[in-house]
């Protein structure tokens, strides 16, 4: 399988910019808290919780005015002072449940 478009770092950048534009538009008052952060060798692990009010459309869900809380654990590999690799796990299902309850 070869990749001719929408691949690599540029595709990843476009995806993240689009997601975060939508996320911050839907939750303009979002507060992001780094609860824990551990660094060892070239890895940094962060446990992050975000709180905000659903004030804009998000994945087709009209604003509900509900307060939400969502979490993510991310692992970054740092090389030459920059993030060279990134992995994350987020509670997307829990966020969607909060918006639809």
N, C-alpha and C. Protein backbone atom coordinates (compact mmCIF):
# COMPACT_ATOMS: atom_id res chain seq x y z
N UNK A 1 0.84 -1.17 0.00
CA UNK A 1 0.00 0.00 0.00
C UNK A 1 0.89 1.24 0.00
N UNK A 2 0.67 2.14 -0.93
CA UNK A 2 1.46 3.37 -0.97
C UNK A 2 0.56 4.55 -0.65
N UNK A 3 1.21 5.60 -0.19
CA UNK A 3 0.48 6.80 0.18
C UNK A 3 0.83 7.91 -0.79
N UNK A 4 -0.17 8.46 -1.48
CA UNK A 4 0.10 9.51 -2.45
C UNK A 4 -0.39 10.87 -1.97
N UNK A 5 -1.36 10.89 -1.05
CA UNK A 5 -1.85 12.15 -0.49
C UNK A 5 -2.40 11.90 0.91
N UNK A 6 -2.52 12.96 1.67
CA UNK A 6 -3.03 12.86 3.04
C UNK A 6 -2.24 11.88 3.88
N UNK A 7 -0.91 11.93 3.77
CA UNK A 7 -0.05 11.03 4.52
C UNK A 7 1.06 11.81 5.21
N UNK A 8 1.65 11.17 6.17
CA UNK A 8 2.83 11.74 6.81
C UNK A 8 2.51 12.85 7.78
N UNK A 9 3.54 13.61 8.10
CA UNK A 9 3.43 14.65 9.11
C UNK A 9 2.45 15.75 8.71
N UNK A 10 2.37 16.08 7.43
CA UNK A 10 1.43 17.12 7.00
C UNK A 10 -0.01 16.70 7.22
N UNK A 11 -0.33 15.45 6.94
CA UNK A 11 -1.69 14.95 7.18
C UNK A 11 -2.01 14.94 8.67
N UNK A 12 -1.04 14.56 9.47
CA UNK A 12 -1.24 14.55 10.92
C UNK A 12 -1.47 15.96 11.43
N UNK A 13 -0.71 16.90 10.93
CA UNK A 13 -0.87 18.31 11.34
C UNK A 13 -2.26 18.82 10.97
N UNK A 14 -2.72 18.54 9.76
CA UNK A 14 -4.04 18.98 9.31
C UNK A 14 -5.12 18.37 10.20
N UNK A 15 -5.01 17.07 10.50
CA UNK A 15 -5.99 16.40 11.36
C UNK A 15 -6.05 17.07 12.73
N UNK A 16 -4.88 17.25 13.36
CA UNK A 16 -4.86 17.83 14.71
C UNK A 16 -5.37 19.27 14.71
N UNK A 17 -4.98 20.07 13.73
CA UNK A 17 -5.46 21.45 13.67
C UNK A 17 -6.98 21.48 13.52
N UNK A 18 -7.53 20.62 12.67
CA UNK A 18 -8.97 20.57 12.47
C UNK A 18 -9.68 20.13 13.75
N UNK A 19 -9.18 19.07 14.39
CA UNK A 19 -9.81 18.58 15.62
C UNK A 19 -9.79 19.66 16.69
N UNK A 20 -8.62 20.28 16.91
CA UNK A 20 -8.52 21.27 17.99
C UNK A 20 -9.30 22.54 17.68
N UNK A 21 -9.39 22.94 16.41
CA UNK A 21 -10.24 24.07 16.04
C UNK A 21 -11.68 23.77 16.44
N UNK A 22 -12.16 22.57 16.09
CA UNK A 22 -13.53 22.17 16.42
C UNK A 22 -13.73 22.06 17.93
N UNK A 23 -12.75 21.47 18.63
CA UNK A 23 -12.84 21.26 20.07
C UNK A 23 -12.90 22.60 20.81
N UNK A 24 -12.00 23.52 20.47
CA UNK A 24 -11.98 24.81 21.17
C UNK A 24 -13.18 25.68 20.79
N UNK A 25 -13.75 25.50 19.61
CA UNK A 25 -14.97 26.21 19.24
C UNK A 25 -16.16 25.68 20.04
N UNK A 26 -16.19 24.38 20.29
CA UNK A 26 -17.30 23.77 21.04
C UNK A 26 -17.18 24.01 22.54
N UNK A 27 -15.94 24.14 23.03
CA UNK A 27 -15.69 24.33 24.47
C UNK A 27 -14.76 25.53 24.65
N UNK A 28 -15.24 26.74 24.36
CA UNK A 28 -14.35 27.91 24.35
C UNK A 28 -13.77 28.27 25.73
N UNK A 29 -14.39 27.80 26.80
CA UNK A 29 -13.88 28.11 28.14
C UNK A 29 -13.06 26.96 28.73
N UNK A 30 -12.62 26.05 27.89
CA UNK A 30 -11.93 24.83 28.35
C UNK A 30 -10.75 25.18 29.26
N UNK A 31 -10.67 24.46 30.35
CA UNK A 31 -9.55 24.57 31.29
C UNK A 31 -8.79 23.25 31.23
N UNK A 32 -7.51 23.30 30.94
CA UNK A 32 -6.70 22.10 30.77
C UNK A 32 -5.73 22.02 31.93
N UNK A 33 -5.80 20.90 32.66
CA UNK A 33 -4.96 20.71 33.84
C UNK A 33 -4.03 19.51 33.64
N UNK A 34 -2.75 19.72 33.78
CA UNK A 34 -1.81 18.61 33.78
C UNK A 34 -1.77 18.08 35.21
N UNK A 35 -2.37 16.91 35.42
CA UNK A 35 -2.50 16.34 36.76
C UNK A 35 -1.19 15.70 37.19
N UNK A 36 -0.58 14.97 36.30
CA UNK A 36 0.71 14.34 36.57
C UNK A 36 1.55 14.37 35.30
N UNK A 37 2.86 14.49 35.49
CA UNK A 37 3.77 14.44 34.35
C UNK A 37 5.08 13.83 34.83
N UNK A 38 5.54 12.82 34.10
CA UNK A 38 6.75 12.10 34.46
C UNK A 38 7.65 12.03 33.23
N UNK A 39 8.94 12.31 33.45
CA UNK A 39 9.91 12.21 32.36
C UNK A 39 10.99 11.21 32.76
N UNK A 40 11.33 10.36 31.80
CA UNK A 40 12.42 9.41 32.01
C UNK A 40 13.07 9.15 30.66
N UNK A 41 14.36 9.34 30.61
CA UNK A 41 15.07 9.17 29.34
C UNK A 41 14.53 10.16 28.33
N UNK A 42 14.11 9.67 27.17
CA UNK A 42 13.59 10.56 26.13
C UNK A 42 12.06 10.58 26.08
N UNK A 43 11.40 10.04 27.13
CA UNK A 43 9.93 9.97 27.16
C UNK A 43 9.35 10.90 28.21
N UNK A 44 8.23 11.53 27.87
CA UNK A 44 7.47 12.33 28.82
C UNK A 44 6.03 11.81 28.79
N UNK A 45 5.51 11.44 29.95
CA UNK A 45 4.14 10.94 30.07
C UNK A 45 3.33 11.98 30.83
N UNK A 46 2.18 12.34 30.29
CA UNK A 46 1.32 13.35 30.91
C UNK A 46 -0.09 12.80 31.08
N UNK A 47 -0.66 13.05 32.26
CA UNK A 47 -2.08 12.75 32.52
C UNK A 47 -2.78 14.08 32.60
N UNK A 48 -3.72 14.32 31.70
CA UNK A 48 -4.35 15.62 31.54
C UNK A 48 -5.86 15.49 31.68
N UNK A 49 -6.47 16.41 32.42
CA UNK A 49 -7.93 16.47 32.53
C UNK A 49 -8.37 17.84 32.04
N UNK A 50 -9.42 17.87 31.23
CA UNK A 50 -9.97 19.12 30.71
C UNK A 50 -11.41 19.27 31.18
N UNK A 51 -11.78 20.50 31.55
CA UNK A 51 -13.13 20.82 32.00
C UNK A 51 -13.62 22.01 31.19
N UNK A 52 -14.89 21.99 30.80
CA UNK A 52 -15.45 23.13 30.09
C UNK A 52 -16.94 22.98 29.89
N UNK A 53 -17.53 24.01 29.28
CA UNK A 53 -18.97 24.00 28.99
C UNK A 53 -19.17 23.85 27.49
N UNK A 54 -20.08 22.99 27.12
CA UNK A 54 -20.39 22.71 25.72
C UNK A 54 -21.21 23.87 25.16
N UNK A 55 -20.52 24.82 24.50
CA UNK A 55 -21.17 26.04 24.02
C UNK A 55 -21.23 26.15 22.50
N UNK A 56 -20.67 25.18 21.80
CA UNK A 56 -20.69 25.20 20.34
C UNK A 56 -20.89 23.80 19.80
N UNK A 57 -21.21 23.70 18.53
CA UNK A 57 -21.44 22.39 17.91
C UNK A 57 -20.17 21.55 17.96
N UNK A 58 -20.35 20.26 18.25
CA UNK A 58 -19.22 19.34 18.32
C UNK A 58 -19.63 18.01 17.71
N UNK A 59 -18.99 17.63 16.62
CA UNK A 59 -19.32 16.40 15.89
C UNK A 59 -20.82 16.26 15.67
N UNK A 60 -21.45 17.35 15.26
CA UNK A 60 -22.87 17.34 14.93
C UNK A 60 -23.80 17.46 16.12
N UNK A 61 -23.27 17.57 17.32
CA UNK A 61 -24.11 17.72 18.51
C UNK A 61 -24.23 19.21 18.81
N UNK A 62 -25.46 19.71 18.76
CA UNK A 62 -25.70 21.12 19.05
C UNK A 62 -25.30 21.44 20.48
N UNK A 63 -24.95 22.69 20.77
CA UNK A 63 -24.55 23.06 22.13
C UNK A 63 -25.61 22.66 23.16
N UNK A 64 -25.15 22.03 24.23
CA UNK A 64 -26.06 21.57 25.29
C UNK A 64 -25.98 22.43 26.55
N UNK A 65 -24.91 23.21 26.68
CA UNK A 65 -24.70 23.98 27.89
C UNK A 65 -24.20 23.14 29.05
N UNK A 66 -23.99 21.85 28.81
CA UNK A 66 -23.52 20.96 29.87
C UNK A 66 -22.03 21.16 30.14
N UNK A 67 -21.67 21.00 31.41
CA UNK A 67 -20.26 21.00 31.78
C UNK A 67 -19.71 19.60 31.53
N UNK A 68 -18.50 19.54 31.00
CA UNK A 68 -17.88 18.25 30.69
C UNK A 68 -16.52 18.16 31.38
N UNK A 69 -16.09 16.93 31.52
CA UNK A 69 -14.75 16.64 32.01
C UNK A 69 -14.25 15.46 31.20
N UNK A 70 -13.07 15.59 30.65
CA UNK A 70 -12.51 14.51 29.84
C UNK A 70 -11.02 14.38 30.13
N UNK A 71 -10.49 13.19 29.93
CA UNK A 71 -9.09 12.96 30.27
C UNK A 71 -8.33 12.36 29.10
N UNK A 72 -7.02 12.53 29.17
CA UNK A 72 -6.13 11.96 28.15
C UNK A 72 -4.81 11.60 28.83
N UNK A 73 -4.22 10.53 28.39
CA UNK A 73 -2.86 10.18 28.77
C UNK A 73 -2.05 10.21 27.48
N UNK A 74 -0.97 10.97 27.51
CA UNK A 74 -0.14 11.08 26.32
C UNK A 74 1.30 10.73 26.66
N UNK A 75 1.95 10.13 25.70
CA UNK A 75 3.36 9.79 25.81
C UNK A 75 4.06 10.45 24.62
N UNK A 76 5.08 11.23 24.92
CA UNK A 76 5.86 11.89 23.88
C UNK A 76 7.30 11.45 23.96
N UNK A 77 7.90 11.17 22.81
CA UNK A 77 9.34 10.92 22.74
C UNK A 77 9.98 12.19 22.22
N UNK A 78 10.94 12.71 22.99
CA UNK A 78 11.58 13.97 22.66
C UNK A 78 12.97 13.71 22.09
N UNK A 79 13.26 14.40 21.00
CA UNK A 79 14.57 14.29 20.36
C UNK A 79 14.98 15.69 19.90
N UNK A 80 16.16 16.11 20.27
CA UNK A 80 16.68 17.43 19.90
C UNK A 80 15.72 18.55 20.32
N UNK A 81 15.09 18.39 21.49
CA UNK A 81 14.21 19.42 22.02
C UNK A 81 12.84 19.50 21.38
N UNK A 82 12.50 18.53 20.53
CA UNK A 82 11.20 18.53 19.84
C UNK A 82 10.53 17.18 20.04
N UNK A 83 9.20 17.18 19.95
CA UNK A 83 8.47 15.91 20.02
C UNK A 83 8.70 15.17 18.71
N UNK A 84 9.33 14.00 18.81
CA UNK A 84 9.63 13.19 17.63
C UNK A 84 8.54 12.14 17.39
N UNK A 85 7.93 11.65 18.47
CA UNK A 85 6.84 10.68 18.37
C UNK A 85 5.83 10.99 19.46
N UNK A 86 4.58 10.63 19.19
CA UNK A 86 3.50 10.92 20.15
C UNK A 86 2.48 9.79 20.12
N UNK A 87 2.05 9.39 21.31
CA UNK A 87 0.96 8.43 21.45
C UNK A 87 0.00 9.00 22.49
N UNK A 88 -1.30 8.76 22.32
CA UNK A 88 -2.23 9.22 23.34
C UNK A 88 -3.45 8.32 23.38
N UNK A 89 -4.07 8.31 24.56
CA UNK A 89 -5.32 7.59 24.78
C UNK A 89 -6.25 8.58 25.45
N UNK A 90 -7.44 8.78 24.89
CA UNK A 90 -8.39 9.71 25.48
C UNK A 90 -9.73 9.02 25.67
N UNK A 91 -10.53 9.58 26.54
CA UNK A 91 -11.85 9.03 26.84
C UNK A 91 -12.91 9.69 25.96
N UNK A 92 -12.80 9.46 24.65
CA UNK A 92 -13.74 10.06 23.70
C UNK A 92 -15.16 9.56 23.94
N UNK A 93 -15.32 8.28 24.26
CA UNK A 93 -16.65 7.72 24.51
C UNK A 93 -17.29 8.39 25.72
N UNK A 94 -16.50 8.60 26.77
CA UNK A 94 -17.01 9.27 27.97
C UNK A 94 -17.43 10.70 27.68
N UNK A 95 -16.66 11.40 26.84
CA UNK A 95 -17.02 12.77 26.47
C UNK A 95 -18.34 12.77 25.71
N UNK A 96 -18.49 11.90 24.75
CA UNK A 96 -19.73 11.85 23.96
C UNK A 96 -20.92 11.48 24.84
N UNK A 97 -20.73 10.59 25.81
CA UNK A 97 -21.81 10.25 26.74
C UNK A 97 -22.27 11.48 27.52
N UNK A 98 -21.32 12.28 27.97
CA UNK A 98 -21.67 13.49 28.73
C UNK A 98 -22.50 14.46 27.90
N UNK A 99 -22.24 14.51 26.60
CA UNK A 99 -22.98 15.41 25.73
C UNK A 99 -24.35 14.89 25.36
N UNK A 100 -24.55 13.59 25.41
CA UNK A 100 -25.81 13.00 24.99
C UNK A 100 -26.70 12.56 26.14
N UNK A 101 -26.23 12.65 27.36
CA UNK A 101 -27.04 12.20 28.51
C UNK A 101 -28.16 13.15 28.79
